[in-house]
Amino acid sequence: MKTFWIIDTTVTALEGCDLSDDGSKYKFGRSVVPADTKEEAVSALKNHLEQARIHVEEVTAVVAYDEGDWSDDPHLLSKAYKLAKATNQIRSGAFISEKAREFTEGKSKG
């Protein structure tokens, strides 16, 4: 049985990508990837995103879904997890731009 890995990434949109553009240099994403190992999951996600014209700049975290606390997740992970589990395919939650993330973090601090 495959593990559902939650992979956090910092990405850039390549020409022809469908991600919205607010002028941010980077976007932060969280994806659900069914795979046997972490390494397999990361490789599969990179290939999947490259096909969507999204370049992975950095993988910032890889955690098995069952091992994490996702209660305060801004990436719509619950929906992505349900879809990944139902289809056994890679599903991405929301991508959050650098500017949106800074705004959201600023609001939560003050």
PDB file of N, CA and C in Angstrom:
ATOM      1  N   MET A   1       0.835  -1.189   0.000  1.00  0.00           N
ATOM      2  CA  MET A   1       0.000   0.000   0.000  1.00  0.00           C
ATOM      3  C   MET A   1       0.877   1.248   0.000  1.00  0.00           C
ATOM      4  N   LYS A   2       0.544   2.167  -0.870  1.00  0.00           N
ATOM      5  CA  LYS A   2       1.341   3.385  -0.981  1.00  0.00           C
ATOM      6  C   LYS A   2       1.069   4.320   0.186  1.00  0.00           C
ATOM      7  N   THR A   3       2.084   5.104   0.496  1.00  0.00           N
ATOM      8  CA  THR A   3       1.961   6.161   1.494  1.00  0.00           C
ATOM      9  C   THR A   3       1.563   7.429   0.756  1.00  0.00           C
ATOM     10  N   PHE A   4       0.746   8.253   1.394  1.00  0.00           N
ATOM     11  CA  PHE A   4       0.407   9.559   0.818  1.00  0.00           C
ATOM     12  C   PHE A   4       1.315  10.581   1.462  1.00  0.00           C
ATOM     13  N   TRP A   5       2.267  11.085   0.677  1.00  0.00           N
ATOM     14  CA  TRP A   5       3.269  12.035   1.140  1.00  0.00           C
ATOM     15  C   TRP A   5       2.776  13.455   0.916  1.00  0.00           C
ATOM     16  N   ILE A   6       2.979  14.303   1.898  1.00  0.00           N
ATOM     17  CA  ILE A   6       2.683  15.727   1.769  1.00  0.00           C
ATOM     18  C   ILE A   6       4.016  16.413   1.521  1.00  0.00           C
ATOM     19  N   ILE A   7       4.104  17.078   0.382  1.00  0.00           N
ATOM     20  CA  ILE A   7       5.369  17.697  -0.018  1.00  0.00           C
ATOM     21  C   ILE A   7       5.159  19.200  -0.153  1.00  0.00           C
ATOM     22  N   ASP A   8       5.925  19.957   0.612  1.00  0.00           N
ATOM     23  CA  ASP A   8       5.917  21.410   0.526  1.00  0.00           C
ATOM     24  C   ASP A   8       7.043  21.841  -0.404  1.00  0.00           C
ATOM     25  N   THR A   9       6.733  22.785  -1.277  1.00  0.00           N
ATOM     26  CA  THR A   9       7.715  23.248  -2.248  1.00  0.00           C
ATOM     27  C   THR A   9       7.692  24.767  -2.376  1.00  0.00           C
ATOM     28  N   THR A  10       8.812  25.282  -2.825  1.00  0.00           N
ATOM     29  CA  THR A  10       8.904  26.655  -3.302  1.00  0.00           C
ATOM     30  C   THR A  10       9.079  26.519  -4.803  1.00  0.00           C
ATOM     31  N   VAL A  11       8.208  27.189  -5.574  1.00  0.00           N
ATOM     32  CA  VAL A  11       8.214  27.010  -7.022  1.00  0.00           C
ATOM     33  C   VAL A  11       8.217  28.353  -7.743  1.00  0.00           C
ATOM     34  N   THR A  12       8.571  28.286  -9.018  1.00  0.00           N
ATOM     35  CA  THR A  12       8.423  29.431  -9.912  1.00  0.00           C
ATOM     36  C   THR A  12       7.594  28.973 -11.111  1.00  0.00           C
ATOM     37  N   ALA A  13       6.806  29.894 -11.615  1.00  0.00           N
ATOM     38  CA  ALA A  13       5.977  29.607 -12.780  1.00  0.00           C
ATOM     39  C   ALA A  13       6.793  29.862 -14.038  1.00  0.00           C
ATOM     40  N   LEU A  14       6.816  28.881 -14.925  1.00  0.00           N
ATOM     41  CA  LEU A  14       7.496  29.029 -16.203  1.00  0.00           C
ATOM     42  C   LEU A  14       6.522  29.611 -17.226  1.00  0.00           C
ATOM     43  N   GLU A  15       7.048  30.077 -18.329  1.00  0.00           N
ATOM     44  CA  GLU A  15       6.189  30.632 -19.378  1.00  0.00           C
ATOM     45  C   GLU A  15       5.172  29.569 -19.800  1.00  0.00           C
ATOM     46  N   GLY A  16       3.920  29.983 -19.892  1.00  0.00           N
ATOM     47  CA  GLY A  16       2.861  29.064 -20.280  1.00  0.00           C
ATOM     48  C   GLY A  16       2.181  28.380 -19.108  1.00  0.00           C
ATOM     49  N   CYS A  17       2.574  28.731 -17.896  1.00  0.00           N
ATOM     50  CA  CYS A  17       1.988  28.153 -16.686  1.00  0.00           C
ATOM     51  C   CYS A  17       0.655  28.832 -16.386  1.00  0.00           C
ATOM     52  N   ASP A  18      -0.277  28.072 -15.805  1.00  0.00           N
ATOM     53  CA  ASP A  18      -1.602  28.608 -15.494  1.00  0.00           C
ATOM     54  C   ASP A  18      -1.707  29.255 -14.113  1.00  0.00           C
ATOM     55  N   LEU A  19      -0.651  29.253 -13.314  1.00  0.00           N
ATOM     56  CA  LEU A  19      -0.726  29.864 -11.989  1.00  0.00           C
ATOM     57  C   LEU A  19      -0.904  31.370 -12.122  1.00  0.00           C
ATOM     58  N   SER A  20      -1.713  31.951 -11.248  1.00  0.00           N
ATOM     59  CA  SER A  20      -1.921  33.395 -11.278  1.00  0.00           C
ATOM     60  C   SER A  20      -0.614  34.104 -10.929  1.00  0.00           C
ATOM     61  N   ASP A  21      -0.479  35.325 -11.432  1.00  0.00           N
ATOM     62  CA  ASP A  21       0.757  36.073 -11.233  1.00  0.00           C
ATOM     63  C   ASP A  21       0.453  37.408 -10.568  1.00  0.00           C
ATOM     64  N   ASP A  22       0.973  37.580  -9.342  1.00  0.00           N
ATOM     65  CA  ASP A  22       0.800  38.856  -8.650  1.00  0.00           C
ATOM     66  C   ASP A  22       2.135  39.594  -8.528  1.00  0.00           C
ATOM     67  N   GLY A  23       3.109  39.154  -9.311  1.00  0.00           N
ATOM     68  CA  GLY A  23       4.416  39.789  -9.292  1.00  0.00           C
ATOM     69  C   GLY A  23       5.392  39.162  -8.304  1.00  0.00           C
ATOM     70  N   SER A  24       4.961  38.156  -7.573  1.00  0.00           N
ATOM     71  CA  SER A  24       5.850  37.482  -6.623  1.00  0.00           C
ATOM     72  C   SER A  24       6.886  36.659  -7.378  1.00  0.00           C
ATOM     73  N   LYS A  25       8.076  36.591  -6.825  1.00  0.00           N
ATOM     74  CA  LYS A  25       9.117  35.789  -7.440  1.00  0.00           C
ATOM     75  C   LYS A  25       8.829  34.300  -7.242  1.00  0.00           C
ATOM     76  N   TYR A  26       8.330  33.936  -6.057  1.00  0.00           N
ATOM     77  CA  TYR A  26       8.089  32.532  -5.740  1.00  0.00           C
ATOM     78  C   TYR A  26       6.644  32.304  -5.320  1.00  0.00           C
ATOM     79  N   LYS A  27       6.246  31.054  -5.407  1.00  0.00           N
ATOM     80  CA  LYS A  27       4.983  30.586  -4.860  1.00  0.00           C
ATOM     81  C   LYS A  27       5.312  29.394  -3.961  1.00  0.00           C
ATOM     82  N   PHE A  28       4.452  29.181  -2.987  1.00  0.00           N
ATOM     83  CA  PHE A  28       4.637  28.071  -2.060  1.00  0.00           C
ATOM     84  C   PHE A  28       3.482  27.113  -2.277  1.00  0.00           C
ATOM     85  N   GLY A  29       3.792  25.843  -2.417  1.00  0.00           N
ATOM     86  CA  GLY A  29       2.758  24.862  -2.686  1.00  0.00           C
ATOM     87  C   GLY A  29       2.848  23.671  -1.758  1.00  0.00           C
ATOM     88  N   ARG A  30       1.745  22.999  -1.651  1.00  0.00           N
ATOM     89  CA  ARG A  30       1.674  21.770  -0.860  1.00  0.00           C
ATOM     90  C   ARG A  30       0.925  20.759  -1.718  1.00  0.00           C
ATOM     91  N   SER A  31       1.529  19.600  -1.910  1.00  0.00           N
ATOM     92  CA  SER A  31       0.935  18.574  -2.761  1.00  0.00           C
ATOM     93  C   SER A  31       0.862  17.250  -2.032  1.00  0.00           C
ATOM     94  N   VAL A  32      -0.062  16.411  -2.480  1.00  0.00           N
ATOM     95  CA  VAL A  32      -0.232  15.065  -1.954  1.00  0.00           C
ATOM     96  C   VAL A  32       0.221  14.098  -3.040  1.00  0.00           C
ATOM     97  N   VAL A  33       1.181  13.240  -2.680  1.00  0.00           N
ATOM     98  CA  VAL A  33       1.770  12.341  -3.668  1.00  0.00           C
ATOM     99  C   VAL A  33       1.748  10.901  -3.155  1.00  0.00           C
ATOM    100  N   PRO A  34       1.006  10.019  -3.835  1.00  0.00           N
ATOM    101  CA  PRO A  34       1.047   8.607  -3.445  1.00  0.00           C
ATOM    102  C   PRO A  34       2.319   7.964  -3.998  1.00  0.00           C
ATOM    103  N   ALA A  35       3.090   7.355  -3.109  1.00  0.00           N
ATOM    104  CA  ALA A  35       4.341   6.713  -3.526  1.00  0.00           C
ATOM    105  C   ALA A  35       4.812   5.780  -2.419  1.00  0.00           C
ATOM    106  N   ASP A  36       5.727   4.881  -2.780  1.00  0.00           N
ATOM    107  CA  ASP A  36       6.264   3.932  -1.801  1.00  0.00           C
ATOM    108  C   ASP A  36       7.318   4.561  -0.895  1.00  0.00           C
ATOM    109  N   THR A  37       8.094   5.513  -1.444  1.00  0.00           N
ATOM    110  CA  THR A  37       9.168   6.127  -0.664  1.00  0.00           C
ATOM    111  C   THR A  37       9.148   7.646  -0.829  1.00  0.00           C
ATOM    112  N   LYS A  38       9.826   8.336   0.085  1.00  0.00           N
ATOM    113  CA  LYS A  38       9.949   9.796  -0.022  1.00  0.00           C
ATOM    114  C   LYS A  38      10.615  10.190  -1.332  1.00  0.00           C
ATOM    115  N   GLU A  39      11.681   9.477  -1.664  1.00  0.00           N
ATOM    116  CA  GLU A  39      12.442   9.814  -2.865  1.00  0.00           C
ATOM    117  C   GLU A  39      11.587   9.668  -4.117  1.00  0.00           C
ATOM    118  N   GLU A  40      10.813   8.584  -4.177  1.00  0.00           N
ATOM    119  CA  GLU A  40       9.925   8.356  -5.306  1.00  0.00           C
ATOM    120  C   GLU A  40       8.869   9.456  -5.379  1.00  0.00           C
ATOM    121  N   ALA A  41       8.358   9.866  -4.240  1.00  0.00           N
ATOM    122  CA  ALA A  41       7.336  10.911  -4.187  1.00  0.00           C
ATOM    123  C   ALA A  41       7.878  12.243  -4.693  1.00  0.00           C
ATOM    124  N   VAL A  42       9.066  12.618  -4.247  1.00  0.00           N
ATOM    125  CA  VAL A  42       9.665  13.894  -4.668  1.00  0.00           C
ATOM    126  C   VAL A  42       9.925  13.887  -6.172  1.00  0.00           C
ATOM    127  N   SER A  43      10.475  12.814  -6.678  1.00  0.00           N
ATOM    128  CA  SER A  43      10.752  12.708  -8.110  1.00  0.00           C
ATOM    129  C   SER A  43       9.459  12.792  -8.926  1.00  0.00           C
ATOM    130  N   ALA A  44       8.431  12.075  -8.486  1.00  0.00           N
ATOM    131  CA  ALA A  44       7.147  12.083  -9.197  1.00  0.00           C
ATOM    132  C   ALA A  44       6.529  13.484  -9.194  1.00  0.00           C
ATOM    133  N   LEU A  45       6.616  14.181  -8.044  1.00  0.00           N
ATOM    134  CA  LEU A  45       6.047  15.523  -7.971  1.00  0.00           C
ATOM    135  C   LEU A  45       6.795  16.487  -8.885  1.00  0.00           C
ATOM    136  N   LYS A  46       8.111  16.424  -8.876  1.00  0.00           N
ATOM    137  CA  LYS A  46       8.885  17.316  -9.751  1.00  0.00           C
ATOM    138  C   LYS A  46       8.493  17.108 -11.214  1.00  0.00           C
ATOM    139  N   ASN A  47       8.375  15.856 -11.630  1.00  0.00           N
ATOM    140  CA  ASN A  47       7.977  15.570 -13.013  1.00  0.00           C
ATOM    141  C   ASN A  47       6.563  16.087 -13.294  1.00  0.00           C
ATOM    142  N   HIS A  48       5.662  15.861 -12.364  1.00  0.00           N
ATOM    143  CA  HIS A  48       4.274  16.298 -12.506  1.00  0.00           C
ATOM    144  C   HIS A  48       4.188  17.820 -12.652  1.00  0.00           C
ATOM    145  N   LEU A  49       4.887  18.546 -11.803  1.00  0.00           N
ATOM    146  CA  LEU A  49       4.847  20.007 -11.859  1.00  0.00           C
ATOM    147  C   LEU A  49       5.541  20.550 -13.097  1.00  0.00           C
ATOM    148  N   GLU A  50       6.637  19.940 -13.505  1.00  0.00           N
ATOM    149  CA  GLU A  50       7.335  20.391 -14.721  1.00  0.00           C
ATOM    150  C   GLU A  50       6.414  20.291 -15.936  1.00  0.00           C
ATOM    151  N   GLN A  51       5.585  19.257 -15.975  1.00  0.00           N
ATOM    152  CA  GLN A  51       4.631  19.110 -17.086  1.00  0.00           C
ATOM    153  C   GLN A  51       3.607  20.242 -17.073  1.00  0.00           C
ATOM    154  N   ALA A  52       3.328  20.783 -15.896  1.00  0.00           N
ATOM    155  CA  ALA A  52       2.403  21.906 -15.770  1.00  0.00           C
ATOM    156  C   ALA A  52       3.119  23.252 -15.900  1.00  0.00           C
ATOM    157  N   ARG A  53       4.388  23.226 -16.286  1.00  0.00           N
ATOM    158  CA  ARG A  53       5.210  24.431 -16.465  1.00  0.00           C
ATOM    159  C   ARG A  53       5.472  25.141 -15.135  1.00  0.00           C
ATOM    160  N   ILE A  54       5.661  24.324 -14.087  1.00  0.00           N
ATOM    161  CA  ILE A  54       5.990  24.833 -12.758  1.00  0.00           C
ATOM    162  C   ILE A  54       7.332  24.231 -12.365  1.00  0.00           C
ATOM    163  N   HIS A  55       8.293  25.102 -12.067  1.00  0.00           N
ATOM    164  CA  HIS A  55       9.635  24.636 -11.704  1.00  0.00           C
ATOM    165  C   HIS A  55       9.789  24.598 -10.183  1.00  0.00           C
ATOM    166  N   VAL A  56      10.210  23.457  -9.675  1.00  0.00           N
ATOM    167  CA  VAL A  56      10.458  23.316  -8.239  1.00  0.00           C
ATOM    168  C   VAL A  56      11.828  23.896  -7.923  1.00  0.00           C
ATOM    169  N   GLU A  57      11.833  24.982  -7.162  1.00  0.00           N
ATOM    170  CA  GLU A  57      13.084  25.598  -6.733  1.00  0.00           C
ATOM    171  C   GLU A  57      13.654  24.856  -5.524  1.00  0.00           C
ATOM    172  N   GLU A  58      12.740  24.477  -4.604  1.00  0.00           N
ATOM    173  CA  GLU A  58      13.191  23.820  -3.379  1.00  0.00           C
ATOM    174  C   GLU A  58      12.061  22.962  -2.804  1.00  0.00           C
ATOM    175  N   VAL A  59      12.428  21.796  -2.327  1.00  0.00           N
ATOM    176  CA  VAL A  59      11.509  20.976  -1.548  1.00  0.00           C
ATOM    177  C   VAL A  59      11.800  21.311  -0.095  1.00  0.00           C
ATOM    178  N   THR A  60      10.799  21.845   0.606  1.00  0.00           N
ATOM    179  CA  THR A  60      11.038  22.320   1.970  1.00  0.00           C
ATOM    180  C   THR A  60      10.593  21.339   3.045  1.00  0.00           C
ATOM    181  N   ALA A  61       9.718  20.393   2.685  1.00  0.00           N
ATOM    182  CA  ALA A  61       9.284  19.386   3.661  1.00  0.00           C
ATOM    183  C   ALA A  61       8.638  18.211   2.943  1.00  0.00           C
ATOM    184  N   VAL A  62       8.849  17.020   3.502  1.00  0.00           N
ATOM    185  CA  VAL A  62       8.198  15.806   3.016  1.00  0.00           C
ATOM    186  C   VAL A  62       7.770  15.026   4.248  1.00  0.00           C
ATOM    187  N   VAL A  63       6.451  14.847   4.413  1.00  0.00           N
ATOM    188  CA  VAL A  63       5.903  14.181   5.596  1.00  0.00           C
ATOM    189  C   VAL A  63       4.777  13.255   5.164  1.00  0.00           C
ATOM    190  N   ALA A  64       4.720  12.079   5.730  1.00  0.00           N
ATOM    191  CA  ALA A  64       3.580  11.194   5.474  1.00  0.00           C
ATOM    192  C   ALA A  64       2.331  11.855   6.050  1.00  0.00           C
ATOM    193  N   TYR A  65       1.244  11.808   5.299  1.00  0.00           N
ATOM    194  CA  TYR A  65       0.005  12.474   5.719  1.00  0.00           C
ATOM    195  C   TYR A  65      -0.398  12.059   7.131  1.00  0.00           C
ATOM    196  N   ASP A  66      -0.327  10.783   7.417  1.00  0.00           N
ATOM    197  CA  ASP A  66      -0.750  10.263   8.718  1.00  0.00           C
ATOM    198  C   ASP A  66       0.129  10.725   9.878  1.00  0.00           C
ATOM    199  N   GLU A  67       1.297  11.267   9.573  1.00  0.00           N
ATOM    200  CA  GLU A  67       2.233  11.691  10.618  1.00  0.00           C
ATOM    201  C   GLU A  67       2.208  13.194  10.891  1.00  0.00           C
ATOM    202  N   GLY A  68       1.411  13.943  10.153  1.00  0.00           N
ATOM    203  CA  GLY A  68       1.417  15.392  10.307  1.00  0.00           C
ATOM    204  C   GLY A  68       0.158  15.924  10.971  1.00  0.00           C
ATOM    205  N   ASP A  69       0.245  17.168  11.407  1.00  0.00           N
ATOM    206  CA  ASP A  69      -0.912  17.890  11.943  1.00  0.00           C
ATOM    207  C   ASP A  69      -1.272  18.951  10.914  1.00  0.00           C
ATOM    208  N   TRP A  70      -2.387  18.766  10.239  1.00  0.00           N
ATOM    209  CA  TRP A  70      -2.775  19.641   9.138  1.00  0.00           C
ATOM    210  C   TRP A  70      -3.944  20.548   9.515  1.00  0.00           C
ATOM    211  N   SER A  71      -4.185  20.723  10.795  1.00  0.00           N
ATOM    212  CA  SER A  71      -5.340  21.490  11.253  1.00  0.00           C
ATOM    213  C   SER A  71      -5.263  22.984  10.905  1.00  0.00           C
ATOM    214  N   ASP A  72      -4.082  23.519  10.725  1.00  0.00           N
ATOM    215  CA  ASP A  72      -3.919  24.943  10.421  1.00  0.00           C
ATOM    216  C   ASP A  72      -3.307  25.105   9.031  1.00  0.00           C
ATOM    217  N   ASP A  73      -3.908  24.445   8.048  1.00  0.00           N
ATOM    218  CA  ASP A  73      -3.328  24.400   6.708  1.00  0.00           C
ATOM    219  C   ASP A  73      -3.991  25.405   5.764  1.00  0.00           C
ATOM    220  N   PRO A  74      -3.212  26.342   5.192  1.00  0.00           N
ATOM    221  CA  PRO A  74      -3.781  27.317   4.265  1.00  0.00           C
ATOM    222  C   PRO A  74      -3.806  26.830   2.809  1.00  0.00           C
ATOM    223  N   HIS A  75      -3.396  25.595   2.554  1.00  0.00           N
ATOM    224  CA  HIS A  75      -3.223  25.112   1.176  1.00  0.00           C
ATOM    225  C   HIS A  75      -4.360  24.236   0.660  1.00  0.00           C
ATOM    226  N   LEU A  76      -5.493  24.166   1.363  1.00  0.00           N
ATOM    227  CA  LEU A  76      -6.616  23.320   0.951  1.00  0.00           C
ATOM    228  C   LEU A  76      -6.209  21.852   0.884  1.00  0.00           C
ATOM    229  N   LEU A  77      -5.383  21.441   1.827  1.00  0.00           N
ATOM    230  CA  LEU A  77      -4.832  20.087   1.825  1.00  0.00           C
ATOM    231  C   LEU A  77      -5.896  19.010   1.970  1.00  0.00           C
ATOM    232  N   SER A  78      -6.901  19.233   2.772  1.00  0.00           N
ATOM    233  CA  SER A  78      -7.925  18.224   3.008  1.00  0.00           C
ATOM    234  C   SER A  78      -8.575  17.784   1.698  1.00  0.00           C
ATOM    235  N   LYS A  79      -8.929  18.741   0.862  1.00  0.00           N
ATOM    236  CA  LYS A  79      -9.538  18.433  -0.431  1.00  0.00           C
ATOM    237  C   LYS A  79      -8.548  17.692  -1.335  1.00  0.00           C
ATOM    238  N   ALA A  80      -7.315  18.147  -1.381  1.00  0.00           N
ATOM    239  CA  ALA A  80      -6.301  17.496  -2.217  1.00  0.00           C
ATOM    240  C   ALA A  80      -6.055  16.063  -1.753  1.00  0.00           C
ATOM    241  N   TYR A  81      -6.017  15.852  -0.441  1.00  0.00           N
ATOM    242  CA  TYR A  81      -5.800  14.510   0.102  1.00  0.00           C
ATOM    243  C   TYR A  81      -6.943  13.578  -0.286  1.00  0.00           C
ATOM    244  N   LYS A  82      -8.170  14.044  -0.149  1.00  0.00           N
ATOM    245  CA  LYS A  82      -9.326  13.210  -0.502  1.00  0.00           C
ATOM    246  C   LYS A  82      -9.296  12.831  -1.982  1.00  0.00           C
ATOM    247  N   LEU A  83      -8.945  13.785  -2.843  1.00  0.00           N
ATOM    248  CA  LEU A  83      -8.866  13.502  -4.282  1.00  0.00           C
ATOM    249  C   LEU A  83      -7.724  12.534  -4.594  1.00  0.00           C
ATOM    250  N   ALA A  84      -6.580  12.726  -3.955  1.00  0.00           N
ATOM    251  CA  ALA A  84      -5.436  11.829  -4.185  1.00  0.00           C
ATOM    252  C   ALA A  84      -5.768  10.413  -3.744  1.00  0.00           C
ATOM    253  N   LYS A  85      -6.408  10.304  -2.614  1.00  0.00           N
ATOM    254  CA  LYS A  85      -6.764   8.982  -2.086  1.00  0.00           C
ATOM    255  C   LYS A  85      -7.783   8.291  -2.998  1.00  0.00           C
ATOM    256  N   ALA A  86      -8.738   9.049  -3.517  1.00  0.00           N
ATOM    257  CA  ALA A  86      -9.778   8.484  -4.379  1.00  0.00           C
ATOM    258  C   ALA A  86      -9.240   8.070  -5.749  1.00  0.00           C
ATOM    259  N   THR A  87      -8.253   8.813  -6.257  1.00  0.00           N
ATOM    260  CA  THR A  87      -7.753   8.571  -7.617  1.00  0.00           C
ATOM    261  C   THR A  87      -6.377   7.913  -7.654  1.00  0.00           C
ATOM    262  N   ASN A  88      -5.692   7.903  -6.506  1.00  0.00           N
ATOM    263  CA  ASN A  88      -4.316   7.400  -6.416  1.00  0.00           C
ATOM    264  C   ASN A  88      -3.382   8.176  -7.356  1.00  0.00           C
ATOM    265  N   GLN A  89      -3.655   9.474  -7.488  1.00  0.00           N
ATOM    266  CA  GLN A  89      -2.845  10.348  -8.330  1.00  0.00           C
ATOM    267  C   GLN A  89      -2.394  11.558  -7.534  1.00  0.00           C
ATOM    268  N   ILE A  90      -1.363  12.230  -8.036  1.00  0.00           N
ATOM    269  CA  ILE A  90      -0.844  13.438  -7.407  1.00  0.00           C
ATOM    270  C   ILE A  90      -1.899  14.529  -7.468  1.00  0.00           C
ATOM    271  N   ARG A  91      -2.096  15.197  -6.334  1.00  0.00           N
ATOM    272  CA  ARG A  91      -3.016  16.323  -6.265  1.00  0.00           C
ATOM    273  C   ARG A  91      -2.340  17.452  -5.505  1.00  0.00           C
ATOM    274  N   SER A  92      -2.474  18.643  -6.019  1.00  0.00           N
ATOM    275  CA  SER A  92      -1.906  19.811  -5.345  1.00  0.00           C
ATOM    276  C   SER A  92      -3.004  20.598  -4.668  1.00  0.00           C
ATOM    277  N   GLY A  93      -2.677  21.106  -3.499  1.00  0.00           N
ATOM    278  CA  GLY A  93      -3.568  22.049  -2.839  1.00  0.00           C
ATOM    279  C   GLY A  93      -3.353  23.398  -3.503  1.00  0.00           C
ATOM    280  N   ALA A  94      -3.679  24.455  -2.832  1.00  0.00           N
ATOM    281  CA  ALA A  94      -3.498  25.795  -3.379  1.00  0.00           C
ATOM    282  C   ALA A  94      -2.021  26.177  -3.362  1.00  0.00           C
ATOM    283  N   PHE A  95      -1.616  26.923  -4.377  1.00  0.00           N
ATOM    284  CA  PHE A  95      -0.298  27.548  -4.380  1.00  0.00           C
ATOM    285  C   PHE A  95      -0.499  28.964  -3.852  1.00  0.00           C
ATOM    286  N   ILE A  96       0.345  29.371  -2.922  1.00  0.00           N
ATOM    287  CA  ILE A  96       0.229  30.688  -2.307  1.00  0.00           C
ATOM    288  C   ILE A  96       1.443  31.515  -2.711  1.00  0.00           C
ATOM    289  N   SER A  97       1.183  32.702  -3.231  1.00  0.00           N
ATOM    290  CA  SER A  97       2.295  33.544  -3.674  1.00  0.00           C
ATOM    291  C   SER A  97       3.051  34.096  -2.476  1.00  0.00           C
ATOM    292  N   GLU A  98       4.258  34.528  -2.757  1.00  0.00           N
ATOM    293  CA  GLU A  98       5.117  35.134  -1.738  1.00  0.00           C
ATOM    294  C   GLU A  98       4.412  36.329  -1.084  1.00  0.00           C
ATOM    295  N   LYS A  99       3.787  37.180  -1.895  1.00  0.00           N
ATOM    296  CA  LYS A  99       3.112  38.370  -1.371  1.00  0.00           C
ATOM    297  C   LYS A  99       1.892  37.993  -0.528  1.00  0.00           C
ATOM    298  N   ALA A 100       1.110  37.032  -0.982  1.00  0.00           N
ATOM    299  CA  ALA A 100      -0.067  36.605  -0.222  1.00  0.00           C
ATOM    300  C   ALA A 100       0.348  35.967   1.099  1.00  0.00           C
ATOM    301  N   ARG A 101       1.411  35.202   1.077  1.00  0.00           N
ATOM    302  CA  ARG A 101       1.888  34.551   2.301  1.00  0.00           C
ATOM    303  C   ARG A 101       2.358  35.595   3.312  1.00  0.00           C
ATOM    304  N   GLU A 102       3.107  36.604   2.838  1.00  0.00           N
ATOM    305  CA  GLU A 102       3.579  37.663   3.731  1.00  0.00           C
ATOM    306  C   GLU A 102       2.395  38.423   4.330  1.00  0.00           C
ATOM    307  N   PHE A 103       1.367  38.694   3.516  1.00  0.00           N
ATOM    308  CA  PHE A 103       0.183  39.400   3.991  1.00  0.00           C
ATOM    309  C   PHE A 103      -0.539  38.574   5.052  1.00  0.00           C
ATOM    310  N   THR A 104      -0.740  37.293   4.773  1.00  0.00           N
ATOM    311  CA  THR A 104      -1.435  36.402   5.712  1.00  0.00           C
ATOM    312  C   THR A 104      -0.667  36.257   7.015  1.00  0.00           C
ATOM    313  N   GLU A 105       0.651  36.088   6.934  1.00  0.00           N
ATOM    314  CA  GLU A 105       1.457  35.967   8.144  1.00  0.00           C
ATOM    315  C   GLU A 105       1.463  37.269   8.935  1.00  0.00           C
ATOM    316  N   GLY A 106       1.441  38.396   8.248  1.00  0.00           N
ATOM    317  CA  GLY A 106       1.399  39.695   8.918  1.00  0.00           C
ATOM    318  C   GLY A 106       0.094  39.900   9.664  1.00  0.00           C
ATOM    319  N   LYS A 107      -1.017  39.461   9.084  1.00  0.00           N
ATOM    320  CA  LYS A 107      -2.337  39.583   9.731  1.00  0.00           C
ATOM    321  C   LYS A 107      -2.421  38.694  10.966  1.00  0.00           C
ATOM    322  N   SER A 108      -1.805  37.509  10.909  1.00  0.00           N
ATOM    323  CA  SER A 108      -1.914  36.591  12.047  1.00  0.00           C
ATOM    324  C   SER A 108      -1.039  37.039  13.215  1.00  0.00           C
ATOM    325  N   LYS A 109      -0.029  37.872  12.947  1.00  0.00           N
ATOM    326  CA  LYS A 109       0.844  38.347  14.017  1.00  0.00           C
ATOM    327  C   LYS A 109       0.295  39.598  14.691  1.00  0.00           C
ATOM    328  N   GLY A 110      -0.552  40.323  13.999  1.00  0.00           N
ATOM    329  CA  GLY A 110      -0.947  41.562  14.619  1.00  0.00           C
ATOM    330  C   GLY A 110      -2.304  41.954  14.312  1.00  0.00           C
TER     331      GLY A 110
END
